[in-house]
Amino acid sequence: MTLATDYLQAYDAQLRTDAETPSALNVAPLGPLRLVTFAGGRGFITYQDLAGADEPAIAELVSGALDHFRADPEIRTVEWKTRGHDRAPGLHEALLANGFCADEPESIMIGPLEALCRDAPAPAGVTLRRVTAEADVRAMSAAVDEAFGEAVDTRMAQALLDRLARDDGMELWVAETDGRIVCGGRLEPVPGTDFVGIWGGATLPAYRGRGIYRALTAARARSALALGKNFVHSDSTEDSRPILERSGLIRVSTTTPYNWTR
């Protein structure tokens, strides 16, 4: 087998279901699905596989999952996380028929943490640090929203603060220059595995192309190595995928989020 095949098998065995939802407020089963409620009115649907479901069965799962979240008035958005290597006949059509919209596909990247630490110094004038103070967390969350071209969501900042208060292992890291946070991202150790996830990494457009994202990724990787982890995984946009590939990570599949908004 190829290294990519080995990594993909490890991804399916170790990095789906429980590993994806360490901050869940509630998890309800529906057949093979896990219907997850997060803080801030967010629903999330994931699974290890669809248990061989055919097209009609998948259509029932989609409508049943959405009914579950519609029944909770606090839920404002729901994400169904698909993977390109899953057998899922009719899933795309069923999601669209139920009002979900597909986002851009992302690459599932996996590789050794050590590779992320090589040749990634902080650019001149850039400071990298882990943040925990409320003002820093809110500034980081706002910067990441801006970097992704989204409106600032104070609920996400509050959800991050709530997680830090629970001390579930998540770390928040930022890069600062010119007196402001210009890049941020999370580190998510996966309990019971050799993996960590790097998530939410984004750099403000005016500061891209300077190696800031690469340096912040290396800082998170060094922190993960200190925790005894060996491998990293990430769902990467087309902006970050080439950076991670140059650092030795391998694209093993794709993931496409489908989102429903009340």
Protein backbone atom coordinates (compact mmCIF):
# COMPACT_ATOMS: atom_id res chain seq x y z
CA MET A 1 0.00 0.00 0.00
CA THR A 2 1.05 3.59 -0.54
CA LEU A 3 1.69 6.03 2.26
CA ALA A 4 -1.43 7.95 1.22
CA THR A 5 -3.50 4.77 1.57
CA ASP A 6 -2.06 4.11 5.03
CA TYR A 7 -2.82 7.66 6.09
CA LEU A 8 -6.37 7.47 4.74
CA GLN A 9 -7.03 4.25 6.65
CA ALA A 10 -5.73 5.90 9.82
CA TYR A 11 -7.94 8.93 9.12
CA ASP A 12 -11.09 6.81 8.81
CA ALA A 13 -10.24 4.72 11.87
CA GLN A 14 -9.00 7.42 14.24
CA LEU A 15 -10.10 10.86 13.10
CA ARG A 16 -13.82 10.59 12.47
CA THR A 17 -16.85 10.74 14.83
CA ASP A 18 -15.67 11.29 18.45
CA ALA A 19 -12.35 12.75 17.35
CA GLU A 20 -14.14 15.47 15.36
CA THR A 21 -16.35 16.75 18.14
CA PRO A 22 -14.40 17.28 21.38
CA SER A 23 -16.38 20.45 22.13
CA ALA A 24 -19.86 19.05 21.44
CA LEU A 25 -22.68 20.09 23.74
CA ASN A 26 -24.78 17.14 22.64
CA VAL A 27 -24.47 14.18 20.25
CA ALA A 28 -27.52 12.24 19.06
CA PRO A 29 -27.31 9.10 16.89
CA LEU A 30 -29.40 8.59 13.75
CA GLY A 31 -28.45 5.31 12.13
CA PRO A 32 -24.76 5.72 11.20
CA LEU A 33 -24.96 9.50 11.65
CA ARG A 34 -23.82 11.60 14.60
CA LEU A 35 -25.96 14.70 14.99
CA VAL A 36 -23.82 17.15 16.94
CA THR A 37 -24.83 20.38 18.65
CA PHE A 38 -22.13 22.98 19.22
CA ALA A 39 -22.26 26.24 21.13
CA GLY A 40 -23.43 29.27 19.20
CA GLY A 41 -26.40 27.56 17.55
CA ARG A 42 -24.37 25.33 15.25
CA GLY A 43 -25.37 21.84 14.17
CA PHE A 44 -22.93 19.38 12.63
CA ILE A 45 -23.47 16.00 10.95
CA THR A 46 -20.73 13.43 10.60
CA TYR A 47 -20.19 9.66 10.49
CA GLN A 48 -17.46 7.08 10.02
CA ASP A 49 -19.30 5.69 6.99
CA LEU A 50 -22.90 5.39 5.79
CA ALA A 51 -23.14 1.66 6.51
CA GLY A 52 -23.79 0.74 2.88
CA ALA A 53 -26.96 2.84 2.67
CA ASP A 54 -28.51 3.08 -0.79
CA GLU A 55 -29.93 6.21 -2.39
CA PRO A 56 -33.42 6.07 -0.81
CA ALA A 57 -31.95 5.33 2.64
CA ILE A 58 -29.53 8.23 2.33
CA ALA A 59 -32.38 10.55 1.36
CA GLU A 60 -34.20 9.50 4.55
CA LEU A 61 -31.09 10.10 6.65
CA VAL A 62 -30.71 13.62 5.27
CA SER A 63 -34.31 14.61 5.91
CA GLY A 64 -34.31 12.97 9.35
CA ALA A 65 -31.12 14.72 10.38
CA LEU A 66 -32.45 18.09 9.30
CA ASP A 67 -35.74 17.47 11.14
CA HIS A 68 -33.70 16.87 14.30
CA PHE A 69 -32.01 20.25 14.08
CA ARG A 70 -35.10 22.13 12.91
CA ALA A 71 -36.80 21.02 16.12
CA ASP A 72 -34.24 22.99 18.15
CA PRO A 73 -34.97 26.72 17.78
CA GLU A 74 -31.47 27.59 18.98
CA ILE A 75 -29.87 25.99 15.91
CA ARG A 76 -29.18 28.57 13.21
CA THR A 77 -26.82 26.69 10.91
CA VAL A 78 -26.11 23.03 10.16
CA GLU A 79 -23.07 21.58 8.40
CA TRP A 80 -23.04 18.13 6.79
CA LYS A 81 -19.42 17.08 6.34
CA THR A 82 -18.89 14.90 3.25
CA ARG A 83 -15.73 13.08 2.17
CA GLY A 84 -14.74 12.42 -1.39
CA HIS A 85 -13.75 8.80 -0.80
CA ASP A 86 -17.01 7.72 0.88
CA ARG A 87 -19.60 5.58 -0.91
CA ALA A 88 -22.67 7.82 -0.71
CA PRO A 89 -25.09 7.33 -3.63
CA GLY A 90 -27.45 10.26 -4.07
CA LEU A 91 -26.08 12.24 -1.12
CA HIS A 92 -25.31 15.40 -3.10
CA GLU A 93 -28.79 15.47 -4.60
CA ALA A 94 -30.48 14.76 -1.26
CA LEU A 95 -28.58 17.54 0.47
CA LEU A 96 -29.49 20.09 -2.21
CA ALA A 97 -33.13 18.96 -2.14
CA ASN A 98 -33.22 19.67 1.60
CA GLY A 99 -31.85 23.18 1.30
CA PHE A 100 -28.14 22.57 1.90
CA CYS A 101 -25.59 24.48 -0.18
CA ALA A 102 -22.15 23.12 -1.04
CA ASP A 103 -19.06 25.11 -0.10
CA GLU A 104 -15.75 24.81 -1.91
CA PRO A 105 -14.07 21.38 -1.56
CA GLU A 106 -11.07 21.22 0.75
CA SER A 107 -8.11 18.81 0.76
CA ILE A 108 -7.66 16.35 3.62
CA MET A 109 -3.95 16.64 4.40
CA ILE A 110 -1.95 14.26 6.63
CA GLY A 111 1.74 14.00 7.44
CA PRO A 112 4.46 14.00 10.11
CA LEU A 113 4.61 16.91 12.51
CA GLU A 114 8.38 17.18 12.22
CA ALA A 115 8.05 18.18 8.59
CA LEU A 116 6.09 21.28 9.54
CA CYS A 117 8.88 22.54 11.79
CA ARG A 118 11.60 22.72 9.16
CA ASP A 119 12.73 26.03 7.65
CA ALA A 120 9.85 28.07 8.99
CA PRO A 121 11.23 31.01 10.96
CA ALA A 122 8.94 33.85 11.89
CA PRO A 123 9.34 36.69 9.36
CA ALA A 124 10.99 39.86 10.58
CA GLY A 125 8.67 41.92 12.73
CA VAL A 126 6.24 39.03 13.33
CA THR A 127 5.57 37.62 16.79
CA LEU A 128 4.04 34.16 17.28
CA ARG A 129 2.31 33.30 20.53
CA ARG A 130 -0.36 31.20 22.15
CA VAL A 131 -3.33 33.21 23.42
CA THR A 132 -5.80 32.64 26.25
CA ALA A 133 -6.91 36.12 27.35
CA GLU A 134 -10.42 37.13 26.30
CA ALA A 135 -9.36 40.24 24.40
CA ASP A 136 -6.78 38.25 22.41
CA VAL A 137 -9.24 35.44 21.63
CA ARG A 138 -11.85 37.89 20.39
CA ALA A 139 -9.29 39.73 18.27
CA MET A 140 -8.02 36.45 16.82
CA SER A 141 -11.54 35.25 15.99
CA ALA A 142 -12.37 38.54 14.29
CA ALA A 143 -9.15 38.45 12.25
CA VAL A 144 -9.81 34.90 11.06
CA ASP A 145 -13.39 35.80 10.08
CA GLU A 146 -12.04 38.76 8.11
CA ALA A 147 -9.36 36.61 6.47
CA PHE A 148 -12.01 34.14 5.29
CA GLY A 149 -14.10 37.02 3.93
CA GLU A 150 -16.86 36.51 6.48
CA ALA A 151 -18.70 38.84 8.84
CA VAL A 152 -17.30 38.89 12.36
CA ASP A 153 -19.18 36.29 14.42
CA THR A 154 -18.97 37.07 18.13
CA ARG A 155 -20.65 33.73 18.88
CA MET A 156 -17.62 31.89 17.54
CA ALA A 157 -15.32 33.91 19.78
CA GLN A 158 -17.51 33.07 22.75
CA ALA A 159 -17.49 29.38 21.83
CA LEU A 160 -13.68 29.46 21.80
CA LEU A 161 -13.62 31.14 25.19
CA ASP A 162 -16.03 28.54 26.57
CA ARG A 163 -13.77 25.77 25.31
CA LEU A 164 -10.71 27.33 26.90
CA ALA A 165 -12.62 27.46 30.17
CA ARG A 166 -13.35 23.73 29.85
CA ASP A 167 -9.64 23.04 29.21
CA ASP A 168 -10.35 20.37 26.57
CA GLY A 169 -6.85 20.55 25.07
CA MET A 170 -7.47 23.10 22.33
CA GLU A 171 -4.75 25.71 21.82
CA LEU A 172 -5.13 29.06 20.05
CA TRP A 173 -2.15 30.61 18.28
CA VAL A 174 -1.69 33.98 16.58
CA ALA A 175 0.82 35.93 14.55
CA GLU A 176 1.10 39.65 15.23
CA THR A 177 2.74 42.42 13.26
CA ASP A 178 2.17 46.14 12.82
CA GLY A 179 0.44 46.13 16.19
CA ARG A 180 -2.36 43.76 15.19
CA ILE A 181 -3.22 40.06 14.91
CA VAL A 182 -2.89 39.18 11.23
CA CYS A 183 -3.05 35.38 11.33
CA GLY A 184 -4.59 32.86 13.69
CA GLY A 185 -5.33 29.17 14.04
CA ARG A 186 -6.25 26.36 16.42
CA LEU A 187 -4.37 23.27 17.51
CA GLU A 188 -6.61 20.31 18.39
CA PRO A 189 -4.89 17.27 19.98
CA VAL A 190 -6.93 14.11 19.32
CA PRO A 191 -7.14 12.09 22.55
CA GLY A 192 -6.03 8.46 22.34
CA THR A 193 -4.22 8.90 19.02
CA ASP A 194 -0.88 10.10 17.65
CA PHE A 195 -2.66 12.92 15.80
CA VAL A 196 -3.36 16.59 16.20
CA GLY A 197 -5.48 18.74 13.95
CA ILE A 198 -4.58 22.23 12.77
CA TRP A 199 -7.73 24.21 12.05
CA GLY A 200 -9.01 27.66 11.26
CA GLY A 201 -5.69 28.94 9.99
CA ALA A 202 -6.01 32.12 7.95
CA THR A 203 -4.01 35.24 7.21
CA LEU A 204 -5.36 38.68 6.38
CA PRO A 205 -5.04 39.29 2.62
CA ALA A 206 -2.63 42.22 2.96
CA TYR A 207 -0.16 40.03 4.88
CA ARG A 208 -0.14 36.92 2.69
CA GLY A 209 2.91 35.72 0.82
CA ARG A 210 5.35 36.58 3.64
CA GLY A 211 5.59 33.14 5.27
CA ILE A 212 3.40 34.10 8.23
CA TYR A 213 0.95 31.21 7.88
CA ARG A 214 3.85 28.79 7.45
CA ALA A 215 5.53 30.09 10.59
CA LEU A 216 2.32 29.88 12.63
CA THR A 217 1.79 26.32 11.44
CA ALA A 218 5.32 25.44 12.57
CA ALA A 219 4.67 26.98 15.99
CA ARG A 220 1.58 24.82 16.41
CA ALA A 221 3.50 21.75 15.25
CA ARG A 222 6.26 22.33 17.81
CA SER A 223 3.65 22.61 20.55
CA ALA A 224 2.07 19.33 19.40
CA LEU A 225 5.43 17.54 19.40
CA ALA A 226 5.93 18.69 22.99
CA LEU A 227 2.64 16.95 23.79
CA GLY A 228 4.00 13.66 22.41
CA LYS A 229 2.04 13.69 19.14
CA ASN A 230 3.55 12.52 15.86
CA PHE A 231 1.13 13.24 13.01
CA VAL A 232 -1.01 16.12 11.87
CA HIS A 233 -4.19 16.37 9.83
CA SER A 234 -5.95 19.36 8.35
CA ASP A 235 -8.77 20.25 5.97
CA SER A 236 -7.04 22.76 3.75
CA THR A 237 -8.23 25.41 1.34
CA GLU A 238 -6.43 25.93 -1.93
CA ASP A 239 -4.54 28.78 -0.26
CA SER A 240 -3.02 26.59 2.46
CA ARG A 241 -2.77 23.23 0.64
CA PRO A 242 0.42 24.07 -1.34
CA ILE A 243 2.09 25.33 1.84
CA LEU A 244 1.35 22.08 3.65
CA GLU A 245 2.42 19.99 0.64
CA ARG A 246 5.78 21.75 0.56
CA SER A 247 6.11 20.81 4.23
CA GLY A 248 5.64 17.10 3.54
CA LEU A 249 1.92 16.58 4.07
CA ILE A 250 -0.01 14.42 1.61
CA ARG A 251 -3.47 15.00 0.14
CA VAL A 252 -5.36 11.78 0.92
CA SER A 253 -8.91 12.77 -0.01
CA THR A 254 -11.26 15.73 -0.14
CA THR A 255 -14.00 17.04 2.10
CA THR A 256 -16.87 19.28 1.07
CA PRO A 257 -19.05 20.98 3.69
CA TYR A 258 -22.73 21.40 2.86
CA ASN A 259 -24.42 24.12 4.91
CA TRP A 260 -28.04 24.79 5.82
CA THR A 261 -29.17 28.07 7.32
CA ARG A 262 -32.48 28.61 9.09
